[in-house]
Amino acid sequence: MMPANFRFTLLLLMPCLNNGFIFPSTSLQLPTIPGPGRVVSHHHNILTAKSTTSAINNKRNIMMMNAAASSSSSSSLMPQSSLASSYAVRIYPSNNGDDECNGLKWELHSLNQWALPNDNEGEGTLALRALSDCAQGGDRTDAAFTLSCEWNPSDSDNPSDPNCVDAWSIHVSVVSSIKEEDVPHELLCVLSRIMVQSAASEIASKQITDRETLLRITLPLLEGEGCQQLLLSDIIFPTEGKSSSSANGGDYDPNSTGVGVRQLFTPLNSQYANMEIVDMVNNEGRVLGSLPRPYVHTWNILHRGIGMIVSKDVDIFEALIDEDDNAEKTMPEVYVHQRTSTKRIFPSLYDMFVGGVSSSGEDAKWTAAREVAEELGLTRALNVLENNQKDVNSEAVIVNPLSDKLFQCTVCTSYNRCVVSMFTYCCDTALESITWQEEEVAWGDYVPYDIVQLAGDMSIDRLMEKGIWPGSSCKDDDCGKDVDGAKSELTIEKLKTKYDKDYSWDTWDFVPDGLLVWEAWKAFLS
């Protein structure tokens, strides 16, 4: 059960500063929005290209430009930040004196350093504040501990043999600071293995031969220090999916096992090393390295995941983008479910999203397709991705009900820190239906969008009244309130009259993480 004093907030990666959010300027991918220019024939399950009016196209372009920003790839040697346990991780390069980088420093700073006077906000708010601040660079002298990683070419066993492997040495050490703080040693061991992977990526970028490369690695163990020898190719694998761009695309091999990553973590915990491997990411959602999933939960490490709204029969963006600016936009119904009372986390709470964690190297769209198939039994998107099906009798291709990535936001709570990539899924009820696992879901149904909107806002209101919502992401003018606190348009009475529903939606309490993504979703649409 979640502690009563938990706090949470989110970072929406968009190119503006608005409504209390922090918006970095280089983190949002240009969204590909389903809708104008593509007309979906649901009954034939194909996508055909048809001309549309310039007015619709212009409106779509405006939406895309408002959401988009420069997404130039940032070098891993630029200042970065991440989160682990109760610490912000400040990441910056070091060099050997000749301007060539051959090392990294990871400083661990207590999140309490970002607490403001009379500030009652919790760890989630502090975490985002620290994440943004540390990514700006600049010197800090208050690190609890510093991890230092250096890499250099190493003498090969037989340099006269042209077939002999290249060799590099990587050394990670723990440097105590003058600040007295007891950082868990296991956490330092975990982070040191992420640093090794960052070093391996830099070594791979320097390679100019086709020979295999041997890495001689020295790094902390739970007791003392240990040495390992691994091949570079075992760590940088798969080549495309494991690069810093893997969060944004690239080839993903679902059968990849991350041999080198597992070998790195085996000395710490051989049982964990055989479990699912996921990615630790930086402040922009770029991959720093991979680790067994249990460590992500144990040390609340910033990682990658997805969120998805499932709509009924009508794509959300087809409803939003209309040739007539004055026409009332009727949003489709979206799927809402209630968790079972036996769930370990958030029992009996509601959620308007499908969500999940991305496996290491897995493209976010594959994660979304996999999660909606596993959780709701909707397999069309997964089938399209797996088979790349085409209609051989025409130029039309099988429509993918899953959108491309729309935006990403960073959600931080005292128990979860995730860079969430957002998608939509249009369920054609003539072709497929939702089925869920009874041990996971107590109830689920398609719910009118305006009911979900008001129910979500009311759930946030209740959290705010209890003092467990930071409030920075939900201003009065955003939540549809008048000065006196009354709902201005979406009133309970109006919606109950409009929709004859027998469920008590005005009492639904939603999963806090989902509400944070919901706030990001509303900001994206606006």
Protein backbone atom coordinates (compact mmCIF):
# COMPACT_ATOMS: atom_id res chain seq x y z
CA MET A 1 0.00 0.00 0.00
CA MET A 2 1.31 3.41 -0.88
CA PRO A 3 2.28 5.65 2.06
CA ALA A 4 -0.25 8.32 2.89
CA ASN A 5 2.27 11.10 2.44
CA PHE A 6 3.34 10.30 -1.12
CA ARG A 7 3.83 13.12 -3.60
CA PHE A 8 4.07 13.15 -7.35
CA THR A 9 4.43 15.45 -10.30
CA LEU A 10 5.43 15.29 -13.97
CA LEU A 11 7.69 16.83 -16.55
CA LEU A 12 6.09 17.32 -19.97
CA LEU A 13 8.72 17.49 -22.68
CA MET A 14 7.41 20.33 -24.84
CA PRO A 15 9.01 23.52 -26.19
CA CYS A 16 7.37 26.11 -23.96
CA LEU A 17 6.92 27.24 -20.39
CA ASN A 18 3.30 27.16 -19.34
CA ASN A 19 0.93 26.37 -16.50
CA GLY A 20 3.59 25.43 -13.99
CA PHE A 21 5.21 22.70 -16.12
CA ILE A 22 8.91 22.68 -16.93
CA PHE A 23 9.38 22.29 -20.68
CA PRO A 24 12.90 21.62 -22.02
CA SER A 25 13.31 22.89 -25.57
CA THR A 26 14.89 19.91 -27.32
CA SER A 27 13.07 16.81 -26.14
CA LEU A 28 9.79 16.44 -28.03
CA GLN A 29 9.65 14.37 -31.19
CA LEU A 30 7.57 15.69 -34.09
CA PRO A 31 4.31 13.75 -33.69
CA THR A 32 2.75 11.90 -36.57
CA ILE A 33 -0.95 12.42 -36.01
CA PRO A 34 -3.44 10.02 -37.58
CA GLY A 35 -6.24 11.78 -39.41
CA PRO A 36 -6.26 14.17 -42.40
CA GLY A 37 -4.62 12.78 -45.50
CA ARG A 38 -5.46 9.25 -44.40
CA VAL A 39 -9.03 7.97 -44.45
CA VAL A 40 -9.57 4.72 -42.60
CA SER A 41 -12.04 2.16 -43.87
CA HIS A 42 -12.63 0.12 -40.73
CA HIS A 43 -14.77 -2.56 -42.30
CA HIS A 44 -12.16 -3.41 -44.92
CA ASN A 45 -9.31 -3.01 -42.45
CA ILE A 46 -7.20 -1.08 -44.97
CA LEU A 47 -5.75 2.37 -45.15
CA THR A 48 -6.15 4.34 -48.36
CA ALA A 49 -4.72 7.72 -49.25
CA LYS A 50 -7.28 10.33 -50.29
CA SER A 51 -6.97 14.03 -50.88
CA THR A 52 -8.17 16.38 -48.17
CA THR A 53 -8.83 20.09 -48.12
CA SER A 54 -6.01 22.52 -47.42
CA ALA A 55 -7.91 23.82 -44.41
CA ILE A 56 -7.72 20.44 -42.65
CA ASN A 57 -4.09 19.96 -43.60
CA ASN A 58 -3.22 23.44 -42.34
CA LYS A 59 -4.92 22.75 -39.03
CA ARG A 60 -3.06 19.48 -38.68
CA ASN A 61 0.23 21.20 -39.46
CA ILE A 62 -0.44 23.85 -36.83
CA MET A 63 -1.11 21.16 -34.21
CA MET A 64 2.10 19.39 -35.14
CA MET A 65 4.21 22.56 -35.12
CA ASN A 66 2.83 23.63 -31.76
CA ALA A 67 3.86 20.28 -30.31
CA ALA A 68 7.22 19.96 -32.04
CA ALA A 69 10.72 21.11 -31.21
CA SER A 70 14.23 20.46 -32.36
CA SER A 71 15.23 16.88 -31.50
CA SER A 72 18.88 16.86 -32.47
CA SER A 73 20.72 13.95 -30.90
CA SER A 74 22.66 14.97 -27.83
CA SER A 75 26.05 13.46 -27.20
CA SER A 76 26.40 11.30 -24.12
CA LEU A 77 29.35 13.57 -23.28
CA MET A 78 27.12 16.62 -22.81
CA PRO A 79 25.89 17.41 -19.26
CA GLN A 80 23.06 15.06 -18.35
CA SER A 81 21.09 14.00 -15.31
CA SER A 82 19.07 11.07 -14.05
CA LEU A 83 17.42 9.79 -10.87
CA ALA A 84 18.09 6.88 -8.52
CA SER A 85 16.77 6.30 -5.01
CA SER A 86 16.72 9.61 -3.09
CA TYR A 87 19.40 11.12 -5.32
CA ALA A 88 19.74 13.19 -8.45
CA VAL A 89 22.57 11.91 -10.64
CA ARG A 90 24.62 14.67 -12.27
CA ILE A 91 26.55 13.30 -15.27
CA TYR A 92 29.42 15.08 -16.97
CA PRO A 93 32.58 14.15 -18.95
CA SER A 94 36.21 14.25 -17.86
CA ASN A 95 39.33 14.22 -20.04
CA ASN A 96 43.00 13.36 -19.94
CA GLY A 97 44.27 16.87 -20.49
CA ASP A 98 44.37 16.86 -24.30
CA ASP A 99 40.68 17.68 -24.82
CA GLU A 100 39.87 14.06 -25.62
CA CYS A 101 37.24 12.66 -23.33
CA ASN A 102 38.21 9.42 -21.65
CA GLY A 103 36.01 9.43 -18.60
CA LEU A 104 32.72 10.21 -16.91
CA LYS A 105 31.75 11.50 -13.48
CA TRP A 106 28.44 10.63 -11.89
CA GLU A 107 27.68 12.73 -8.80
CA LEU A 108 24.92 11.68 -6.41
CA HIS A 109 23.15 14.65 -4.83
CA SER A 110 20.47 14.30 -2.18
CA LEU A 111 17.08 15.44 -3.44
CA ASN A 112 16.60 17.35 -0.18
CA GLN A 113 18.99 19.96 -1.57
CA TRP A 114 16.19 21.11 -3.89
CA ALA A 115 13.62 21.60 -1.14
CA LEU A 116 12.38 25.18 -0.85
CA PRO A 117 11.57 27.02 2.41
CA ASN A 118 8.11 26.09 3.67
CA ASP A 119 7.92 23.60 0.83
CA ASN A 120 5.57 20.69 1.59
CA GLU A 121 6.02 19.05 -1.79
CA GLY A 122 7.15 15.45 -1.81
CA GLU A 123 9.94 13.49 -3.39
CA GLY A 124 8.41 13.46 -6.86
CA THR A 125 8.37 17.25 -7.14
CA LEU A 126 11.88 17.52 -5.75
CA ALA A 127 13.07 14.85 -8.18
CA LEU A 128 11.87 16.76 -11.25
CA ARG A 129 13.30 20.00 -9.94
CA ALA A 130 16.66 18.32 -9.39
CA LEU A 131 16.52 16.49 -12.75
CA SER A 132 16.10 19.77 -14.61
CA ASP A 133 18.67 21.67 -12.55
CA CYS A 134 21.43 19.05 -12.83
CA ALA A 135 21.00 18.87 -16.60
CA GLN A 136 21.84 22.56 -16.89
CA GLY A 137 25.48 21.89 -15.98
CA GLY A 138 27.54 24.04 -13.65
CA ASP A 139 29.65 23.00 -10.70
CA ARG A 140 28.19 21.71 -7.46
CA THR A 141 30.21 20.90 -4.36
CA ASP A 142 27.61 19.08 -2.31
CA ALA A 143 27.71 15.55 -3.79
CA ALA A 144 27.12 12.75 -1.33
CA PHE A 145 29.28 10.44 -3.45
CA THR A 146 30.93 10.52 -6.85
CA LEU A 147 31.45 7.61 -9.23
CA SER A 148 34.42 8.01 -11.55
CA CYS A 149 34.80 5.99 -14.76
CA GLU A 150 37.88 6.07 -17.00
CA TRP A 151 38.68 4.15 -20.17
CA ASN A 152 41.95 3.81 -22.09
CA PRO A 153 43.45 1.57 -24.78
CA SER A 154 45.08 -1.47 -23.24
CA ASP A 155 48.03 -3.58 -24.43
CA SER A 156 46.86 -6.65 -26.31
CA ASP A 157 48.27 -10.08 -25.54
CA ASN A 158 50.15 -10.26 -28.86
CA PRO A 159 50.28 -6.87 -30.62
CA SER A 160 52.33 -8.31 -33.51
CA ASP A 161 49.43 -10.57 -34.51
CA PRO A 162 47.12 -8.60 -36.89
CA ASN A 163 44.20 -10.88 -35.93
CA CYS A 164 44.67 -10.19 -32.25
CA VAL A 165 41.76 -8.43 -30.58
CA ASP A 166 41.87 -4.77 -29.64
CA ALA A 167 41.72 -4.21 -25.89
CA TRP A 168 40.50 -1.40 -23.66
CA SER A 169 40.54 -1.04 -19.90
CA ILE A 170 37.56 0.45 -18.05
CA HIS A 171 37.91 1.36 -14.40
CA VAL A 172 35.07 2.54 -12.13
CA SER A 173 35.83 3.78 -8.64
CA VAL A 174 33.78 5.27 -5.82
CA VAL A 175 34.99 8.64 -4.56
CA SER A 176 33.64 9.69 -1.19
CA SER A 177 32.88 13.37 -0.81
CA ILE A 178 33.41 15.52 2.25
CA LYS A 179 29.67 15.36 2.85
CA GLU A 180 28.85 12.65 5.37
CA GLU A 181 26.07 10.49 3.94
CA ASP A 182 25.51 6.77 3.91
CA VAL A 183 24.74 5.96 0.27
CA PRO A 184 23.71 2.29 -0.09
CA HIS A 185 26.68 0.41 -1.51
CA GLU A 186 24.47 -1.82 -3.68
CA LEU A 187 23.13 1.29 -5.43
CA LEU A 188 26.69 2.41 -6.21
CA CYS A 189 27.45 -1.06 -7.60
CA VAL A 190 24.36 -0.92 -9.83
CA LEU A 191 25.14 2.56 -11.17
CA SER A 192 28.78 1.65 -11.80
CA ARG A 193 27.60 -1.06 -14.20
CA ILE A 194 25.50 1.48 -16.08
CA MET A 195 28.61 3.66 -16.34
CA VAL A 196 30.54 0.76 -17.86
CA GLN A 197 27.92 0.53 -20.62
CA SER A 198 28.19 4.28 -21.27
CA ALA A 199 31.97 3.86 -21.51
CA ALA A 200 31.53 0.94 -23.91
CA SER A 201 29.38 3.13 -26.16
CA GLU A 202 32.09 5.76 -26.29
CA ILE A 203 34.74 3.13 -27.06
CA ALA A 204 32.56 1.75 -29.85
CA SER A 205 32.36 5.23 -31.37
CA LYS A 206 36.18 5.37 -31.51
CA GLN A 207 36.75 1.98 -33.13
CA ILE A 208 38.43 2.13 -36.55
CA THR A 209 39.21 -1.56 -37.06
CA ASP A 210 37.07 -4.62 -37.71
CA ARG A 211 38.79 -6.63 -35.02
CA GLU A 212 36.87 -7.77 -31.97
CA THR A 213 37.39 -5.60 -28.92
CA LEU A 214 38.08 -6.94 -25.45
CA LEU A 215 37.09 -4.91 -22.40
CA ARG A 216 39.04 -5.36 -19.16
CA ILE A 217 36.69 -3.97 -16.54
CA THR A 218 37.41 -3.13 -12.89
CA LEU A 219 34.46 -2.03 -10.80
CA PRO A 220 32.96 -2.21 -7.29
CA LEU A 221 31.45 -5.39 -5.87
CA LEU A 222 29.20 -5.71 -2.85
CA GLU A 223 32.42 -6.37 -0.97
CA GLY A 224 35.63 -4.95 -2.36
CA GLU A 225 36.45 -4.65 -6.05
CA GLY A 226 36.32 -7.12 -8.91
CA CYS A 227 37.52 -7.60 -12.49
CA GLN A 228 35.64 -8.88 -15.53
CA GLN A 229 36.55 -9.42 -19.18
CA LEU A 230 33.80 -8.95 -21.74
CA LEU A 231 33.61 -8.42 -25.47
CA LEU A 232 32.46 -5.00 -26.59
CA SER A 233 29.91 -6.60 -28.92
CA ASP A 234 28.26 -8.34 -25.98
CA ILE A 235 27.49 -5.00 -24.35
CA ILE A 236 26.62 -2.92 -27.42
CA PHE A 237 23.82 -5.26 -28.58
CA PRO A 238 21.64 -5.07 -30.55
CA THR A 239 23.57 -2.46 -32.53
CA GLU A 240 20.64 -0.24 -33.47
CA GLY A 241 18.22 -0.88 -30.64
CA LYS A 242 20.70 -0.35 -27.83
CA SER A 243 22.06 2.99 -29.03
CA SER A 244 21.07 6.28 -27.44
CA SER A 245 18.39 6.56 -30.10
CA SER A 246 16.62 3.38 -29.06
CA ALA A 247 14.01 5.33 -27.15
CA ASN A 248 13.09 7.04 -30.39
CA GLY A 249 13.31 4.19 -32.86
CA GLY A 250 15.72 1.68 -34.30
CA ASP A 251 15.64 -2.04 -34.91
CA TYR A 252 14.64 -4.21 -31.98
CA ASP A 253 15.33 -7.90 -31.71
CA PRO A 254 12.75 -9.34 -29.25
CA ASN A 255 14.98 -12.40 -28.81
CA SER A 256 17.99 -10.40 -27.67
CA THR A 257 19.15 -11.26 -24.16
CA GLY A 258 21.79 -8.64 -23.40
CA VAL A 259 24.56 -11.18 -22.74
CA GLY A 260 27.12 -8.63 -21.59
CA VAL A 261 24.65 -6.78 -19.37
CA ARG A 262 23.67 -10.00 -17.63
CA GLN A 263 27.32 -10.89 -17.11
CA LEU A 264 27.98 -7.46 -15.60
CA PHE A 265 25.23 -7.91 -13.01
CA THR A 266 25.74 -11.60 -12.23
CA PRO A 267 28.32 -10.95 -9.46
CA LEU A 268 25.77 -8.74 -7.67
CA ASN A 269 22.76 -11.05 -7.92
CA SER A 270 22.72 -14.03 -10.28
CA GLN A 271 18.94 -14.42 -9.91
CA TYR A 272 18.26 -10.81 -10.94
CA ALA A 273 20.71 -11.13 -13.82
CA ASN A 274 18.43 -13.72 -15.46
CA MET A 275 15.33 -11.50 -15.30
CA GLU A 276 13.98 -8.94 -17.79
CA ILE A 277 16.48 -6.26 -18.79
CA VAL A 278 15.25 -2.64 -19.03
CA ASP A 279 16.89 0.73 -19.72
CA MET A 280 17.98 3.48 -17.36
CA VAL A 281 17.53 6.84 -19.12
CA ASN A 282 18.65 10.43 -18.70
CA ASN A 283 16.65 13.64 -18.42
CA GLU A 284 15.77 13.54 -22.14
CA GLY A 285 14.73 9.89 -22.15
CA ARG A 286 17.95 8.74 -23.85
CA VAL A 287 19.40 5.41 -22.80
CA LEU A 288 22.36 5.45 -20.39
CA GLY A 289 22.57 1.68 -20.00
CA SER A 290 20.56 -1.41 -19.12
CA LEU A 291 19.92 -3.33 -15.92
CA PRO A 292 17.70 -6.10 -14.51
CA ARG A 293 14.20 -4.80 -13.89
CA PRO A 294 14.10 -5.58 -10.13
CA TYR A 295 16.80 -2.95 -9.55
CA VAL A 296 14.58 -0.31 -11.20
CA HIS A 297 11.90 -0.90 -8.57
CA THR A 298 14.29 -1.37 -5.66
CA TRP A 299 16.12 1.91 -6.29
CA ASN A 300 13.37 3.86 -8.12
CA ILE A 301 15.57 4.40 -11.18
CA LEU A 302 14.44 6.57 -14.08
CA HIS A 303 13.42 4.25 -16.93
CA ARG A 304 11.32 4.07 -20.14
CA GLY A 305 7.66 3.19 -20.53
CA ILE A 306 4.51 3.90 -22.52
CA GLY A 307 0.99 5.22 -21.99
CA MET A 308 -1.93 4.72 -24.36
CA ILE A 309 -5.54 5.87 -24.68
CA VAL A 310 -7.85 3.30 -26.31
CA SER A 311 -10.80 4.83 -28.17
CA LYS A 312 -13.88 3.10 -29.56
CA ASP A 313 -14.29 2.97 -33.37
CA VAL A 314 -13.23 6.60 -33.98
CA ASP A 315 -9.66 7.84 -33.90
CA ILE A 316 -9.33 10.70 -31.42
CA PHE A 317 -7.56 12.93 -33.93
CA GLU A 318 -10.22 12.36 -36.57
CA ALA A 319 -12.65 13.79 -34.04
CA LEU A 320 -10.40 16.70 -33.13
CA ILE A 321 -9.44 17.82 -36.63
CA ASP A 322 -12.47 19.09 -38.49
CA GLU A 323 -12.78 21.33 -41.52
CA ASP A 324 -15.32 23.50 -39.72
CA ASP A 325 -13.69 25.46 -36.90
CA ASN A 326 -17.10 26.21 -35.42
CA ALA A 327 -18.31 22.64 -35.41
CA GLU A 328 -18.66 20.98 -32.02
CA LYS A 329 -15.98 18.32 -31.61
CA THR A 330 -17.45 15.03 -30.40
CA MET A 331 -14.71 12.93 -28.89
CA PRO A 332 -15.02 9.13 -29.04
CA GLU A 333 -15.56 6.99 -25.99
CA VAL A 334 -12.35 5.83 -24.32
CA TYR A 335 -11.67 2.69 -22.35
CA VAL A 336 -11.56 2.88 -18.54
CA HIS A 337 -10.96 -0.02 -16.18
CA GLN A 338 -10.89 -0.70 -12.46
CA ARG A 339 -8.08 -2.68 -10.89
CA THR A 340 -8.98 -5.69 -8.73
CA SER A 341 -9.02 -5.35 -4.96
CA THR A 342 -6.27 -7.96 -4.73
CA LYS A 343 -3.70 -5.90 -6.66
CA ARG A 344 -0.58 -5.19 -4.60
CA ILE A 345 -0.33 -1.63 -5.93
CA PHE A 346 -3.35 0.69 -6.19
CA PRO A 347 -6.06 -1.93 -5.49
CA SER A 348 -9.55 -0.98 -6.72
CA LEU A 349 -8.39 2.28 -8.35
CA TYR A 350 -9.37 3.27 -11.89
CA ASP A 351 -7.21 4.03 -14.91
CA MET A 352 -7.89 5.57 -18.34
CA PHE A 353 -4.63 4.32 -19.83
CA VAL A 354 -2.88 1.15 -20.87
CA GLY A 355 0.71 1.34 -19.64
CA GLY A 356 3.89 -0.67 -19.36
CA VAL A 357 7.68 -0.67 -19.15
CA SER A 358 9.83 -0.96 -22.28
CA SER A 359 12.30 -3.82 -22.39
CA SER A 360 15.91 -2.93 -23.12
CA GLY A 361 16.33 -1.83 -26.73
CA GLU A 362 12.60 -2.17 -27.45
CA ASP A 363 11.14 0.58 -29.56
CA ALA A 364 8.35 2.38 -27.70
CA LYS A 365 5.78 1.55 -30.40
CA TRP A 366 6.56 -2.16 -30.02
CA THR A 367 6.06 -1.77 -26.26
CA ALA A 368 2.68 -0.16 -26.84
CA ALA A 369 1.57 -2.88 -29.28
CA ARG A 370 2.73 -5.61 -26.90
CA GLU A 371 1.08 -4.09 -23.82
CA VAL A 372 -2.33 -3.53 -25.41
CA ALA A 373 -2.26 -7.14 -26.66
CA GLU A 374 -1.29 -8.52 -23.25
CA GLU A 375 -3.60 -6.36 -21.14
CA LEU A 376 -6.69 -6.04 -23.34
CA GLY A 377 -6.32 -8.77 -25.96
CA LEU A 378 -6.20 -6.20 -28.80
CA THR A 379 -3.67 -7.75 -31.18
CA ARG A 380 -4.13 -5.91 -34.49
CA ALA A 381 -1.26 -3.47 -33.90
CA LEU A 382 1.11 -6.26 -32.89
CA ASN A 383 0.13 -8.29 -35.95
CA VAL A 384 0.79 -5.33 -38.26
CA LEU A 385 4.21 -4.70 -36.74
CA GLU A 386 5.19 -8.38 -36.73
CA ASN A 387 3.98 -9.25 -40.21
CA ASN A 388 4.12 -5.91 -42.02
CA GLN A 389 1.03 -7.08 -43.81
CA LYS A 390 0.08 -5.64 -47.21
CA ASP A 391 -2.83 -6.05 -49.55
CA VAL A 392 -1.17 -7.59 -52.61
CA ASN A 393 -4.06 -6.56 -54.87
CA SER A 394 -3.66 -2.82 -54.31
CA GLU A 395 -1.32 -0.17 -53.03
CA ALA A 396 -3.23 0.02 -49.77
CA VAL A 397 -1.64 -1.35 -46.63
CA ILE A 398 -3.19 -2.84 -43.53
CA VAL A 399 -4.08 -0.03 -41.18
CA ASN A 400 -2.31 0.04 -37.85
CA PRO A 401 -4.80 1.10 -35.17
CA LEU A 402 -1.86 2.24 -33.04
CA SER A 403 -0.63 5.80 -33.60
CA ASP A 404 2.99 6.82 -33.85
CA LYS A 405 4.54 8.32 -30.73
CA LEU A 406 2.79 11.62 -29.97
CA PHE A 407 4.87 13.07 -27.14
CA GLN A 408 6.75 12.02 -24.04
CA CYS A 409 6.46 13.17 -20.45
CA THR A 410 8.41 12.35 -17.30
CA VAL A 411 6.35 11.12 -14.36
CA CYS A 412 7.95 11.10 -10.93
CA THR A 413 6.51 9.75 -7.71
CA SER A 414 8.06 8.38 -4.54
CA TYR A 415 7.68 4.87 -5.99
CA ASN A 416 7.98 5.29 -9.78
CA ARG A 417 10.04 7.42 -12.16
CA CYS A 418 9.38 6.91 -15.85
CA VAL A 419 9.80 8.73 -19.15
CA VAL A 420 6.45 7.89 -20.75
CA SER A 421 5.94 7.80 -24.54
CA MET A 422 2.30 8.47 -25.37
CA PHE A 423 0.16 6.70 -28.01
CA THR A 424 -3.47 6.27 -29.01
CA TYR A 425 -5.18 3.06 -30.15
CA CYS A 426 -8.43 3.01 -32.15
CA CYS A 427 -10.31 -0.22 -31.46
CA ASP A 428 -12.57 -1.19 -34.35
CA THR A 429 -15.26 -3.14 -32.48
CA ALA A 430 -16.36 -4.80 -35.74
CA LEU A 431 -12.97 -6.51 -35.92
CA GLU A 432 -11.84 -7.08 -32.32
CA SER A 433 -13.07 -6.87 -28.76
CA ILE A 434 -11.45 -6.28 -25.40
CA THR A 435 -10.74 -9.22 -23.14
CA TRP A 436 -8.94 -8.84 -19.84
CA GLN A 437 -7.43 -11.06 -17.17
CA GLU A 438 -9.85 -11.49 -14.27
CA GLU A 439 -7.05 -11.37 -11.70
CA GLU A 440 -6.00 -7.96 -13.07
CA VAL A 441 -9.25 -6.13 -13.91
CA ALA A 442 -12.48 -5.99 -11.88
CA TRP A 443 -14.46 -3.90 -14.39
CA GLY A 444 -13.93 -2.13 -17.70
CA ASP A 445 -15.98 -0.29 -20.31
CA TYR A 446 -15.92 2.43 -22.93
CA VAL A 447 -16.82 5.72 -21.25
CA PRO A 448 -17.79 9.07 -22.85
CA TYR A 449 -14.73 11.29 -23.09
CA ASP A 450 -16.27 14.21 -21.19
CA ILE A 451 -17.15 11.91 -18.30
CA VAL A 452 -13.55 10.70 -18.15
CA GLN A 453 -12.34 14.29 -18.25
CA LEU A 454 -14.53 15.41 -15.36
CA ALA A 455 -13.99 12.22 -13.35
CA GLY A 456 -10.23 12.66 -13.69
CA ASP A 457 -10.38 16.31 -12.61
CA MET A 458 -12.54 15.39 -9.62
CA SER A 459 -10.09 12.66 -8.61
CA ILE A 460 -7.29 15.24 -8.71
CA ASP A 461 -9.44 17.62 -6.65
CA ARG A 462 -9.85 14.99 -3.93
CA LEU A 463 -6.10 14.41 -3.84
CA MET A 464 -5.53 18.16 -3.58
CA GLU A 465 -8.02 18.40 -0.71
CA LYS A 466 -6.10 15.67 1.11
CA GLY A 467 -2.85 17.55 0.55
CA ILE A 468 -1.29 14.81 -1.55
CA TRP A 469 -1.32 16.55 -4.94
CA PRO A 470 1.40 19.17 -5.51
CA GLY A 471 -0.94 21.45 -7.47
CA SER A 472 1.70 22.80 -9.83
CA SER A 473 0.22 20.93 -12.80
CA CYS A 474 -3.43 21.81 -12.22
CA LYS A 475 -4.36 25.49 -12.05
CA ASP A 476 -7.92 26.72 -11.58
CA ASP A 477 -8.17 27.86 -15.19
CA ASP A 478 -6.91 24.48 -16.40
CA CYS A 479 -9.40 22.44 -14.40
CA GLY A 480 -12.51 24.16 -15.69
CA LYS A 481 -13.29 25.99 -12.43
CA ASP A 482 -14.81 29.37 -11.77
CA VAL A 483 -13.33 31.66 -9.12
CA ASP A 484 -15.71 30.21 -6.53
CA GLY A 485 -14.51 26.69 -7.29
CA ALA A 486 -17.65 25.55 -9.08
CA LYS A 487 -17.28 23.61 -12.34
CA SER A 488 -18.04 26.06 -15.14
CA GLU A 489 -19.26 23.76 -17.91
CA LEU A 490 -18.70 20.09 -17.25
CA THR A 491 -21.06 19.75 -14.30
CA ILE A 492 -21.99 16.46 -12.73
CA GLU A 493 -25.69 17.09 -13.20
CA LYS A 494 -25.34 17.96 -16.88
CA LEU A 495 -23.37 14.83 -17.68
CA LYS A 496 -25.61 12.55 -15.65
CA THR A 497 -28.53 13.92 -17.60
CA LYS A 498 -26.73 13.60 -20.91
CA TYR A 499 -25.57 10.02 -20.36
CA ASP A 500 -27.73 7.34 -18.81
CA LYS A 501 -24.95 5.40 -17.08
CA ASP A 502 -25.48 3.29 -14.00
CA TYR A 503 -21.93 3.55 -12.67
CA SER A 504 -20.95 6.18 -10.10
CA TRP A 505 -18.24 7.81 -12.18
CA ASP A 506 -18.18 10.94 -10.00
CA THR A 507 -16.65 8.88 -7.18
CA TRP A 508 -13.93 7.17 -9.22
CA ASP A 509 -10.44 7.49 -7.78
CA PHE A 510 -7.78 7.06 -10.46
CA VAL A 511 -4.23 5.74 -10.26
CA PRO A 512 -2.07 8.81 -9.49
CA ASP A 513 0.50 7.98 -12.18
CA GLY A 514 -2.30 7.81 -14.74
CA LEU A 515 -3.64 11.18 -13.62
CA LEU A 516 -0.22 12.71 -14.17
CA VAL A 517 -0.12 11.37 -17.73
CA TRP A 518 -3.72 12.57 -18.16
CA GLU A 519 -2.60 16.11 -17.27
CA ALA A 520 0.21 15.82 -19.84
CA TRP A 521 -2.28 14.52 -22.43
CA LYS A 522 -4.59 17.51 -21.88
CA ALA A 523 -1.65 19.92 -22.16
CA PHE A 524 -0.60 18.24 -25.41
CA LEU A 525 -4.07 18.60 -26.92
CA SER A 526 -4.35 22.24 -25.89
